[in-house]
Amino acid sequence: MSLISLPWSLKILYGLISDNVPVCGTRRKSWLIIMGVVEFTSLIILFFTLPEDPLIVTLLLMVASMAIAFINVVSNAIMVI
């Protein structure tokens, strides 16, 4: 299992976090905003800094993938409601 696919295997954990940990009084909308900012920030850092260290690139892509997986879980939960 690669580091990039690791965040997608933790989707059940993201669902538990988003359902049970409210942020600013809401459970899901605030998580969407937070994870959108995390994804945007990690990809912008990757774009503008152009790191040559493969570990840094992998970690930034892993953070972006984690944010995308979290957004996927939260958006599916909102659609179910």
N, C-alpha and C. Protein backbone atom coordinates (compact mmCIF):
# COMPACT_ATOMS: atom_id res chain seq x y z
N MET A 1 0.85 -1.17 0.00
CA MET A 1 0.00 0.00 0.00
C MET A 1 0.90 1.24 0.00
N SER A 2 0.65 2.13 -0.91
CA SER A 2 1.48 3.33 -0.99
C SER A 2 0.96 4.41 -0.03
N LEU A 3 1.78 5.41 0.21
CA LEU A 3 1.38 6.50 1.10
C LEU A 3 0.24 7.31 0.51
N ILE A 4 0.16 7.37 -0.82
CA ILE A 4 -0.88 8.16 -1.46
C ILE A 4 -2.26 7.51 -1.28
N SER A 5 -2.33 6.18 -1.30
CA SER A 5 -3.63 5.52 -1.15
C SER A 5 -4.01 5.28 0.31
N LEU A 6 -3.10 5.51 1.23
CA LEU A 6 -3.38 5.31 2.65
C LEU A 6 -4.56 6.15 3.16
N PRO A 7 -4.66 7.44 2.80
CA PRO A 7 -5.80 8.23 3.31
C PRO A 7 -7.16 7.69 2.88
N TRP A 8 -7.24 7.04 1.73
CA TRP A 8 -8.53 6.53 1.27
C TRP A 8 -8.96 5.30 2.07
N SER A 9 -8.04 4.61 2.69
CA SER A 9 -8.41 3.44 3.48
C SER A 9 -8.92 3.84 4.87
N LEU A 10 -8.78 5.10 5.23
CA LEU A 10 -9.24 5.57 6.54
C LEU A 10 -10.57 6.32 6.46
N LYS A 11 -11.34 6.09 5.41
CA LYS A 11 -12.57 6.85 5.21
C LYS A 11 -13.58 6.65 6.34
N ILE A 12 -13.64 5.49 6.93
CA ILE A 12 -14.58 5.28 8.03
C ILE A 12 -14.22 6.15 9.23
N LEU A 13 -12.93 6.35 9.45
CA LEU A 13 -12.48 7.23 10.52
C LEU A 13 -12.90 8.68 10.25
N TYR A 14 -12.81 9.11 9.00
CA TYR A 14 -13.23 10.47 8.64
C TYR A 14 -14.72 10.66 8.90
N GLY A 15 -15.50 9.63 8.60
CA GLY A 15 -16.94 9.70 8.86
C GLY A 15 -17.23 9.82 10.35
N LEU A 16 -16.53 9.06 11.15
CA LEU A 16 -16.72 9.15 12.60
C LEU A 16 -16.32 10.52 13.13
N ILE A 17 -15.23 11.07 12.62
CA ILE A 17 -14.78 12.39 13.06
C ILE A 17 -15.80 13.45 12.67
N SER A 18 -16.23 13.43 11.41
CA SER A 18 -17.15 14.48 10.96
C SER A 18 -18.52 14.38 11.62
N ASP A 19 -18.93 13.19 12.00
CA ASP A 19 -20.23 13.03 12.65
C ASP A 19 -20.20 13.38 14.14
N ASN A 20 -19.06 13.21 14.78
CA ASN A 20 -19.00 13.35 16.24
C ASN A 20 -18.22 14.55 16.75
N VAL A 21 -17.53 15.26 15.89
CA VAL A 21 -16.72 16.40 16.34
C VAL A 21 -17.22 17.66 15.64
N PRO A 22 -18.07 18.44 16.30
CA PRO A 22 -18.53 19.68 15.67
C PRO A 22 -17.45 20.76 15.73
N VAL A 23 -17.39 21.55 14.68
CA VAL A 23 -16.47 22.68 14.61
C VAL A 23 -17.31 23.92 14.30
N CYS A 24 -17.19 24.92 15.15
CA CYS A 24 -17.95 26.17 15.00
C CYS A 24 -19.45 25.92 14.96
N GLY A 25 -19.92 24.95 15.70
CA GLY A 25 -21.35 24.70 15.81
C GLY A 25 -21.95 23.81 14.73
N THR A 26 -21.20 23.47 13.69
CA THR A 26 -21.73 22.57 12.66
C THR A 26 -20.87 21.33 12.59
N ARG A 27 -21.45 20.26 12.10
CA ARG A 27 -20.72 19.01 12.05
C ARG A 27 -20.07 18.76 10.70
N ARG A 28 -20.72 19.12 9.62
CA ARG A 28 -20.20 18.74 8.31
C ARG A 28 -19.74 19.91 7.46
N LYS A 29 -20.48 21.00 7.46
CA LYS A 29 -20.12 22.13 6.60
C LYS A 29 -18.76 22.71 6.95
N SER A 30 -18.48 22.82 8.22
CA SER A 30 -17.19 23.37 8.63
C SER A 30 -16.04 22.43 8.24
N TRP A 31 -16.29 21.12 8.30
CA TRP A 31 -15.25 20.17 7.89
C TRP A 31 -14.99 20.29 6.39
N LEU A 32 -16.03 20.53 5.60
CA LEU A 32 -15.83 20.73 4.17
C LEU A 32 -14.93 21.92 3.90
N ILE A 33 -15.18 23.01 4.60
CA ILE A 33 -14.39 24.22 4.41
C ILE A 33 -12.95 24.00 4.86
N ILE A 34 -12.77 23.40 6.03
CA ILE A 34 -11.42 23.17 6.56
C ILE A 34 -10.62 22.27 5.62
N MET A 35 -11.21 21.17 5.19
CA MET A 35 -10.47 20.25 4.33
C MET A 35 -10.26 20.82 2.93
N GLY A 36 -11.16 21.66 2.47
CA GLY A 36 -10.93 22.36 1.20
C GLY A 36 -9.73 23.28 1.29
N VAL A 37 -9.61 23.98 2.40
CA VAL A 37 -8.46 24.87 2.61
C VAL A 37 -7.17 24.05 2.74
N VAL A 38 -7.22 22.93 3.43
CA VAL A 38 -6.04 22.07 3.57
C VAL A 38 -5.59 21.55 2.21
N GLU A 39 -6.54 21.08 1.40
CA GLU A 39 -6.19 20.58 0.07
C GLU A 39 -5.60 21.69 -0.79
N PHE A 40 -6.26 22.84 -0.81
CA PHE A 40 -5.79 23.98 -1.60
C PHE A 40 -4.38 24.39 -1.17
N THR A 41 -4.16 24.47 0.13
CA THR A 41 -2.86 24.90 0.64
C THR A 41 -1.75 23.93 0.27
N SER A 42 -2.00 22.65 0.42
CA SER A 42 -0.96 21.67 0.11
C SER A 42 -0.63 21.67 -1.38
N LEU A 43 -1.63 21.81 -2.23
CA LEU A 43 -1.36 21.82 -3.67
C LEU A 43 -0.71 23.13 -4.11
N ILE A 44 -1.07 24.24 -3.49
CA ILE A 44 -0.43 25.52 -3.81
C ILE A 44 1.03 25.50 -3.38
N ILE A 45 1.32 24.94 -2.21
CA ILE A 45 2.71 24.81 -1.76
C ILE A 45 3.49 23.95 -2.74
N LEU A 46 2.90 22.86 -3.17
CA LEU A 46 3.56 21.98 -4.13
C LEU A 46 3.82 22.70 -5.45
N PHE A 47 2.87 23.50 -5.89
CA PHE A 47 3.01 24.19 -7.17
C PHE A 47 4.06 25.30 -7.12
N PHE A 48 4.02 26.12 -6.09
CA PHE A 48 4.90 27.28 -6.06
C PHE A 48 6.32 26.99 -5.57
N THR A 49 6.50 25.99 -4.72
CA THR A 49 7.84 25.73 -4.20
C THR A 49 8.62 24.74 -5.06
N LEU A 50 7.92 23.89 -5.80
CA LEU A 50 8.56 22.87 -6.63
C LEU A 50 9.67 22.13 -5.88
N PRO A 51 9.29 21.42 -4.80
CA PRO A 51 10.32 20.73 -4.00
C PRO A 51 10.98 19.61 -4.80
N GLU A 52 12.28 19.47 -4.61
CA GLU A 52 13.02 18.42 -5.31
C GLU A 52 13.12 17.15 -4.48
N ASP A 53 12.84 17.24 -3.20
CA ASP A 53 12.89 16.06 -2.33
C ASP A 53 11.63 15.22 -2.55
N PRO A 54 11.79 13.98 -2.97
CA PRO A 54 10.61 13.13 -3.22
C PRO A 54 9.74 12.92 -1.98
N LEU A 55 10.34 12.92 -0.80
CA LEU A 55 9.57 12.73 0.42
C LEU A 55 8.61 13.90 0.65
N ILE A 56 9.07 15.11 0.41
CA ILE A 56 8.21 16.29 0.58
C ILE A 56 7.06 16.26 -0.42
N VAL A 57 7.36 15.89 -1.65
CA VAL A 57 6.31 15.80 -2.67
C VAL A 57 5.29 14.75 -2.27
N THR A 58 5.75 13.61 -1.80
CA THR A 58 4.85 12.53 -1.39
C THR A 58 3.98 12.95 -0.21
N LEU A 59 4.57 13.62 0.76
CA LEU A 59 3.80 14.06 1.93
C LEU A 59 2.76 15.11 1.55
N LEU A 60 3.12 16.04 0.67
CA LEU A 60 2.14 17.05 0.24
C LEU A 60 0.99 16.40 -0.54
N LEU A 61 1.31 15.44 -1.39
CA LEU A 61 0.26 14.74 -2.12
C LEU A 61 -0.58 13.87 -1.20
N MET A 62 0.02 13.31 -0.16
CA MET A 62 -0.73 12.51 0.81
C MET A 62 -1.71 13.39 1.59
N VAL A 63 -1.27 14.58 1.97
CA VAL A 63 -2.16 15.51 2.68
C VAL A 63 -3.31 15.93 1.77
N ALA A 64 -3.01 16.22 0.51
CA ALA A 64 -4.07 16.58 -0.44
C ALA A 64 -5.04 15.41 -0.64
N SER A 65 -4.52 14.20 -0.73
CA SER A 65 -5.37 13.03 -0.91
C SER A 65 -6.23 12.79 0.33
N MET A 66 -5.68 13.02 1.52
CA MET A 66 -6.46 12.88 2.75
C MET A 66 -7.61 13.88 2.77
N ALA A 67 -7.32 15.11 2.36
CA ALA A 67 -8.37 16.13 2.34
C ALA A 67 -9.46 15.78 1.33
N ILE A 68 -9.07 15.28 0.17
CA ILE A 68 -10.05 14.89 -0.84
C ILE A 68 -10.92 13.74 -0.34
N ALA A 69 -10.30 12.75 0.31
CA ALA A 69 -11.06 11.62 0.85
C ALA A 69 -12.02 12.09 1.94
N PHE A 70 -11.58 13.01 2.80
CA PHE A 70 -12.43 13.54 3.85
C PHE A 70 -13.61 14.29 3.24
N ILE A 71 -13.34 15.11 2.23
CA ILE A 71 -14.40 15.85 1.55
C ILE A 71 -15.39 14.89 0.90
N ASN A 72 -14.88 13.80 0.33
CA ASN A 72 -15.74 12.80 -0.29
C ASN A 72 -16.69 12.20 0.73
N VAL A 73 -16.18 11.84 1.89
CA VAL A 73 -17.01 11.24 2.94
C VAL A 73 -18.07 12.22 3.42
N VAL A 74 -17.65 13.46 3.68
CA VAL A 74 -18.59 14.45 4.21
C VAL A 74 -19.65 14.81 3.18
N SER A 75 -19.26 14.95 1.93
CA SER A 75 -20.25 15.29 0.89
C SER A 75 -21.24 14.15 0.69
N ASN A 76 -20.77 12.91 0.77
CA ASN A 76 -21.71 11.78 0.68
C ASN A 76 -22.67 11.76 1.85
N ALA A 77 -22.19 12.10 3.04
CA ALA A 77 -23.06 12.14 4.22
C ALA A 77 -24.09 13.25 4.08
N ILE A 78 -23.70 14.37 3.52
CA ILE A 78 -24.67 15.47 3.31
C ILE A 78 -25.73 15.07 2.29
N MET A 79 -25.30 14.36 1.24
CA MET A 79 -26.27 13.93 0.21
C MET A 79 -27.27 12.93 0.76
N VAL A 80 -26.85 12.08 1.70
CA VAL A 80 -27.76 11.09 2.29
C VAL A 80 -28.85 11.77 3.09
N ILE A 81 -28.50 12.85 3.76
CA ILE A 81 -29.49 13.56 4.56
C ILE A 81 -30.42 14.26 3.63
